[in-house]
Amino acid sequence: MPRNDQRVPATSDVPPNPPSLTFVIELESASPEETERIAAALAAEVVPGDVITVSGELGAGKTTFVRGAARALGVEGPVTSPTYTVGHLYEGRVPVSHLDLYRFDGMSDAEWGDLERYFENAVAFVEWPEAGAAFLPVPRVIVGLRHLGETHRLIVLSSTEKTLENSVLAGVGPRV
């Protein structure tokens, strides 16, 4: 079960800094590999039951971010966008769920019922979380990605846990 079953409002492509958030980290990535490295640093701090929402415009690197986190969590096979299948469940050191709600225009109770299994005892990454805002558990981390040109991305990590800030920054290394 999710760590917290409260509901969260929709997020934008780069999350704002609501008063309840303890920290916001802004990082610039110059490549998909750097985006994956940032995600891996975050993944080192997550546990089953955690929900991480990932927002951004098309092509901003949402699936690349999830792939980096999934690799760090021990997923070895392909990590692809679940846009047409809605969700993937991966086995790693811990179960990893990857949901993409892009094709949803809101969500019904029945649709949420079909998705709940993705949150049970797994680290759940949710792309396009706005469609499920009325149903999603409160995320431990909100990730926003935005284009900063052809190859660069702004990655914004927001959470209520200040302790994540130092852990993520230490895991990213000097380049970012």
C-alpha atoms as a PDB file:
ATOM      1  CA  MET A   1       0.000   0.000   0.000  1.00  0.00           C
ATOM      2  CA  PRO A   2       1.171   3.559  -0.555  1.00  0.00           C
ATOM      3  CA  ARG A   3       2.878   5.196   2.364  1.00  0.00           C
ATOM      4  CA  ASN A   4       0.233   7.916   2.486  1.00  0.00           C
ATOM      5  CA  ASP A   5      -3.246   7.680   1.001  1.00  0.00           C
ATOM      6  CA  GLN A   6      -3.962  11.401   1.003  1.00  0.00           C
ATOM      7  CA  ARG A   7      -4.728  12.932  -2.364  1.00  0.00           C
ATOM      8  CA  VAL A   8      -2.524  15.474  -4.104  1.00  0.00           C
ATOM      9  CA  PRO A   9      -3.438  18.266  -6.507  1.00  0.00           C
ATOM     10  CA  ALA A  10      -2.122  18.237 -10.057  1.00  0.00           C
ATOM     11  CA  THR A  11       1.442  19.340 -10.755  1.00  0.00           C
ATOM     12  CA  SER A  12       2.742  21.433 -13.626  1.00  0.00           C
ATOM     13  CA  ASP A  13       5.681  20.577 -15.853  1.00  0.00           C
ATOM     14  CA  VAL A  14       8.029  22.245 -13.362  1.00  0.00           C
ATOM     15  CA  PRO A  15       6.438  22.081  -9.930  1.00  0.00           C
ATOM     16  CA  PRO A  16       5.935  25.253  -7.932  1.00  0.00           C
ATOM     17  CA  ASN A  17       7.238  25.539  -4.401  1.00  0.00           C
ATOM     18  CA  PRO A  18       4.101  25.161  -2.275  1.00  0.00           C
ATOM     19  CA  PRO A  19       4.533  26.186   1.373  1.00  0.00           C
ATOM     20  CA  SER A  20       4.398  22.532   2.475  1.00  0.00           C
ATOM     21  CA  LEU A  21       7.522  21.596   0.504  1.00  0.00           C
ATOM     22  CA  THR A  22      10.731  21.626   2.505  1.00  0.00           C
ATOM     23  CA  PHE A  23      13.155  21.684  -0.384  1.00  0.00           C
ATOM     24  CA  VAL A  24      13.361  22.272  -4.091  1.00  0.00           C
ATOM     25  CA  ILE A  25      16.461  21.300  -6.076  1.00  0.00           C
ATOM     26  CA  GLU A  26      16.978  22.645  -9.596  1.00  0.00           C
ATOM     27  CA  LEU A  27      19.515  20.775 -11.696  1.00  0.00           C
ATOM     28  CA  GLU A  28      20.494  21.144 -15.321  1.00  0.00           C
ATOM     29  CA  SER A  29      21.124  18.086 -17.436  1.00  0.00           C
ATOM     30  CA  ALA A  30      23.040  18.240 -20.725  1.00  0.00           C
ATOM     31  CA  SER A  31      22.298  14.670 -21.847  1.00  0.00           C
ATOM     32  CA  PRO A  32      20.051  11.652 -21.320  1.00  0.00           C
ATOM     33  CA  GLU A  33      22.888  10.033 -19.353  1.00  0.00           C
ATOM     34  CA  GLU A  34      22.994  12.967 -16.938  1.00  0.00           C
ATOM     35  CA  THR A  35      19.213  12.826 -16.563  1.00  0.00           C
ATOM     36  CA  GLU A  36      19.504   9.123 -15.714  1.00  0.00           C
ATOM     37  CA  ARG A  37      22.305   9.875 -13.207  1.00  0.00           C
ATOM     38  CA  ILE A  38      20.129  12.436 -11.414  1.00  0.00           C
ATOM     39  CA  ALA A  39      17.292   9.899 -11.285  1.00  0.00           C
ATOM     40  CA  ALA A  40      19.672   7.236  -9.950  1.00  0.00           C
ATOM     41  CA  ALA A  41      20.726   9.568  -7.127  1.00  0.00           C
ATOM     42  CA  LEU A  42      17.078   9.986  -6.163  1.00  0.00           C
ATOM     43  CA  ALA A  43      16.420   6.238  -6.472  1.00  0.00           C
ATOM     44  CA  ALA A  44      19.073   5.541  -3.850  1.00  0.00           C
ATOM     45  CA  GLU A  45      16.716   7.127  -1.309  1.00  0.00           C
ATOM     46  CA  VAL A  46      13.348   5.574  -2.214  1.00  0.00           C
ATOM     47  CA  VAL A  47      11.613   2.523  -0.762  1.00  0.00           C
ATOM     48  CA  PRO A  48       8.547   0.468  -1.669  1.00  0.00           C
ATOM     49  CA  GLY A  49       5.433   2.523  -0.974  1.00  0.00           C
ATOM     50  CA  ASP A  50       7.006   5.724  -2.294  1.00  0.00           C
ATOM     51  CA  VAL A  51       5.273   7.581  -5.116  1.00  0.00           C
ATOM     52  CA  ILE A  52       7.262   9.870  -7.400  1.00  0.00           C
ATOM     53  CA  THR A  53       5.339  11.980  -9.893  1.00  0.00           C
ATOM     54  CA  VAL A  54       7.145  12.983 -13.085  1.00  0.00           C
ATOM     55  CA  SER A  55       5.761  15.897 -15.089  1.00  0.00           C
ATOM     56  CA  GLY A  56       6.960  17.715 -18.180  1.00  0.00           C
ATOM     57  CA  GLU A  57       6.160  18.546 -21.739  1.00  0.00           C
ATOM     58  CA  LEU A  58       6.391  15.930 -24.483  1.00  0.00           C
ATOM     59  CA  GLY A  59       9.984  14.900 -25.081  1.00  0.00           C
ATOM     60  CA  ALA A  60      11.284  16.498 -21.884  1.00  0.00           C
ATOM     61  CA  GLY A  61      12.803  13.229 -20.636  1.00  0.00           C
ATOM     62  CA  LYS A  62      10.201  11.778 -18.277  1.00  0.00           C
ATOM     63  CA  THR A  63      10.765   8.179 -19.369  1.00  0.00           C
ATOM     64  CA  THR A  64      14.534   8.742 -19.448  1.00  0.00           C
ATOM     65  CA  PHE A  65      14.320   9.890 -15.827  1.00  0.00           C
ATOM     66  CA  VAL A  66      12.275   6.828 -14.836  1.00  0.00           C
ATOM     67  CA  ARG A  67      14.717   4.561 -16.721  1.00  0.00           C
ATOM     68  CA  GLY A  68      17.650   5.958 -14.713  1.00  0.00           C
ATOM     69  CA  ALA A  69      15.819   5.398 -11.440  1.00  0.00           C
ATOM     70  CA  ALA A  70      14.703   1.899 -12.461  1.00  0.00           C
ATOM     71  CA  ARG A  71      18.264   0.909 -13.400  1.00  0.00           C
ATOM     72  CA  ALA A  72      19.492   2.136 -10.011  1.00  0.00           C
ATOM     73  CA  LEU A  73      16.767   0.026  -8.377  1.00  0.00           C
ATOM     74  CA  GLY A  74      18.064  -3.094 -10.157  1.00  0.00           C
ATOM     75  CA  VAL A  75      15.786  -3.284 -13.210  1.00  0.00           C
ATOM     76  CA  GLU A  76      17.802  -4.896 -16.005  1.00  0.00           C
ATOM     77  CA  GLY A  77      15.425  -5.207 -18.968  1.00  0.00           C
ATOM     78  CA  PRO A  78      14.095  -2.476 -21.236  1.00  0.00           C
ATOM     79  CA  VAL A  79      12.359   0.437 -19.508  1.00  0.00           C
ATOM     80  CA  THR A  80       9.972   1.983 -22.009  1.00  0.00           C
ATOM     81  CA  SER A  81       7.115   4.443 -21.967  1.00  0.00           C
ATOM     82  CA  PRO A  82       3.835   2.796 -20.977  1.00  0.00           C
ATOM     83  CA  THR A  83       1.774   5.418 -22.860  1.00  0.00           C
ATOM     84  CA  TYR A  84      -0.335   2.805 -24.666  1.00  0.00           C
ATOM     85  CA  THR A  85      -0.350   0.148 -21.963  1.00  0.00           C
ATOM     86  CA  VAL A  86      -0.792   2.641 -19.072  1.00  0.00           C
ATOM     87  CA  GLY A  87       1.570   0.794 -16.746  1.00  0.00           C
ATOM     88  CA  HIS A  88       4.585  -1.478 -16.470  1.00  0.00           C
ATOM     89  CA  LEU A  89       5.667  -3.489 -13.453  1.00  0.00           C
ATOM     90  CA  TYR A  90       9.394  -4.207 -13.246  1.00  0.00           C
ATOM     91  CA  GLU A  91      11.323  -6.491 -10.925  1.00  0.00           C
ATOM     92  CA  GLY A  92      14.569  -5.189  -9.487  1.00  0.00           C
ATOM     93  CA  ARG A  93      15.957  -5.169  -5.957  1.00  0.00           C
ATOM     94  CA  VAL A  94      12.486  -3.795  -5.183  1.00  0.00           C
ATOM     95  CA  PRO A  95       9.381  -3.826  -7.384  1.00  0.00           C
ATOM     96  CA  VAL A  96       9.147  -0.729  -9.611  1.00  0.00           C
ATOM     97  CA  SER A  97       5.929   0.538 -11.204  1.00  0.00           C
ATOM     98  CA  HIS A  98       5.904   2.954 -14.115  1.00  0.00           C
ATOM     99  CA  LEU A  99       2.575   4.541 -15.001  1.00  0.00           C
ATOM    100  CA  ASP A 100       1.806   6.967 -17.822  1.00  0.00           C
ATOM    101  CA  LEU A 101      -1.560   8.719 -17.519  1.00  0.00           C
ATOM    102  CA  TYR A 102      -1.168  10.786 -20.711  1.00  0.00           C
ATOM    103  CA  ARG A 103      -4.122   9.124 -22.424  1.00  0.00           C
ATOM    104  CA  PHE A 104      -6.465   9.788 -19.479  1.00  0.00           C
ATOM    105  CA  ASP A 105      -8.771  12.779 -19.348  1.00  0.00           C
ATOM    106  CA  GLY A 106      -9.489  12.557 -15.643  1.00  0.00           C
ATOM    107  CA  MET A 107     -10.092   9.260 -13.915  1.00  0.00           C
ATOM    108  CA  SER A 108     -13.060   7.258 -12.666  1.00  0.00           C
ATOM    109  CA  ASP A 109     -13.268   5.072  -9.578  1.00  0.00           C
ATOM    110  CA  ALA A 110     -13.179   1.993 -11.805  1.00  0.00           C
ATOM    111  CA  GLU A 111     -10.069   3.179 -13.645  1.00  0.00           C
ATOM    112  CA  TRP A 112      -8.352   3.918 -10.337  1.00  0.00           C
ATOM    113  CA  GLY A 113      -9.314   0.435  -9.160  1.00  0.00           C
ATOM    114  CA  ASP A 114      -7.448  -1.000 -12.157  1.00  0.00           C
ATOM    115  CA  LEU A 115      -4.332   1.021 -11.269  1.00  0.00           C
ATOM    116  CA  GLU A 116      -4.165   0.501  -7.495  1.00  0.00           C
ATOM    117  CA  ARG A 117      -2.110  -2.693  -7.849  1.00  0.00           C
ATOM    118  CA  TYR A 118       0.770  -0.646  -9.256  1.00  0.00           C
ATOM    119  CA  PHE A 119       1.167   1.084  -5.885  1.00  0.00           C
ATOM    120  CA  GLU A 120       1.235  -2.025  -3.693  1.00  0.00           C
ATOM    121  CA  ASN A 121       4.709  -2.717  -2.275  1.00  0.00           C
ATOM    122  CA  ALA A 122       6.441  -0.942  -5.148  1.00  0.00           C
ATOM    123  CA  VAL A 123       8.254   2.277  -5.850  1.00  0.00           C
ATOM    124  CA  ALA A 124       5.757   3.953  -8.203  1.00  0.00           C
ATOM    125  CA  PHE A 125       6.718   6.523 -10.849  1.00  0.00           C
ATOM    126  CA  VAL A 126       3.747   8.314 -12.412  1.00  0.00           C
ATOM    127  CA  GLU A 127       4.114  10.314 -15.622  1.00  0.00           C
ATOM    128  CA  TRP A 128       1.382  12.859 -16.428  1.00  0.00           C
ATOM    129  CA  PRO A 129      -0.020  12.653 -12.879  1.00  0.00           C
ATOM    130  CA  GLU A 130      -2.472  15.495 -13.468  1.00  0.00           C
ATOM    131  CA  ALA A 131      -5.070  13.086 -14.874  1.00  0.00           C
ATOM    132  CA  GLY A 132      -5.130  11.063 -11.656  1.00  0.00           C
ATOM    133  CA  ALA A 133      -4.744  13.939  -9.204  1.00  0.00           C
ATOM    134  CA  ALA A 134      -7.957  13.136  -7.346  1.00  0.00           C
ATOM    135  CA  PHE A 135      -6.826   9.537  -6.769  1.00  0.00           C
ATOM    136  CA  LEU A 136      -3.042   9.437  -6.502  1.00  0.00           C
ATOM    137  CA  PRO A 137      -1.373   9.047  -3.127  1.00  0.00           C
ATOM    138  CA  VAL A 138       0.661  12.059  -2.016  1.00  0.00           C
ATOM    139  CA  PRO A 139       4.058  11.761  -3.709  1.00  0.00           C
ATOM    140  CA  ARG A 140       7.239  11.619  -1.685  1.00  0.00           C
ATOM    141  CA  VAL A 141       8.960  13.506  -4.507  1.00  0.00           C
ATOM    142  CA  ILE A 142       7.580  15.667  -7.314  1.00  0.00           C
ATOM    143  CA  VAL A 143       9.804  15.771 -10.395  1.00  0.00           C
ATOM    144  CA  GLY A 144       9.402  18.352 -13.140  1.00  0.00           C
ATOM    145  CA  LEU A 145      11.343  18.445 -16.399  1.00  0.00           C
ATOM    146  CA  ARG A 146      11.522  21.251 -18.930  1.00  0.00           C
ATOM    147  CA  HIS A 147      13.437  21.803 -22.163  1.00  0.00           C
ATOM    148  CA  LEU A 148      16.309  24.301 -21.945  1.00  0.00           C
ATOM    149  CA  GLY A 149      17.233  23.973 -25.589  1.00  0.00           C
ATOM    150  CA  GLU A 150      17.752  21.004 -27.848  1.00  0.00           C
ATOM    151  CA  THR A 151      19.864  18.890 -25.470  1.00  0.00           C
ATOM    152  CA  HIS A 152      19.588  20.549 -22.047  1.00  0.00           C
ATOM    153  CA  ARG A 153      16.861  19.979 -19.482  1.00  0.00           C
ATOM    154  CA  LEU A 154      15.912  21.653 -16.238  1.00  0.00           C
ATOM    155  CA  ILE A 155      15.075  19.024 -13.621  1.00  0.00           C
ATOM    156  CA  VAL A 156      13.282  20.209 -10.491  1.00  0.00           C
ATOM    157  CA  LEU A 157      12.932  17.881  -7.512  1.00  0.00           C
ATOM    158  CA  SER A 158      10.528  18.888  -4.723  1.00  0.00           C
ATOM    159  CA  SER A 159       9.755  17.109  -1.470  1.00  0.00           C
ATOM    160  CA  THR A 160       8.759  17.655   2.122  1.00  0.00           C
ATOM    161  CA  GLU A 161      11.891  15.798   3.275  1.00  0.00           C
ATOM    162  CA  LYS A 162      14.913  18.037   3.654  1.00  0.00           C
ATOM    163  CA  THR A 163      17.131  14.975   4.190  1.00  0.00           C
ATOM    164  CA  LEU A 164      16.639  13.994   0.547  1.00  0.00           C
ATOM    165  CA  GLU A 165      18.307  17.208  -0.635  1.00  0.00           C
ATOM    166  CA  ASN A 166      21.797  16.349   0.652  1.00  0.00           C
ATOM    167  CA  SER A 167      21.485  12.710  -0.387  1.00  0.00           C
ATOM    168  CA  VAL A 168      20.467  13.548  -3.941  1.00  0.00           C
ATOM    169  CA  LEU A 169      23.057  16.298  -4.354  1.00  0.00           C
ATOM    170  CA  ALA A 170      25.810  14.001  -3.036  1.00  0.00           C
ATOM    171  CA  GLY A 171      24.729  11.251  -5.448  1.00  0.00           C
ATOM    172  CA  VAL A 172      24.682  13.498  -8.502  1.00  0.00           C
ATOM    173  CA  GLY A 173      28.370  14.372  -8.376  1.00  0.00           C
ATOM    174  CA  PRO A 174      30.224  17.414  -9.642  1.00  0.00           C
ATOM    175  CA  ARG A 175      28.994  17.729 -13.250  1.00  0.00           C
ATOM    176  CA  VAL A 176      25.374  18.631 -12.658  1.00  0.00           C
END
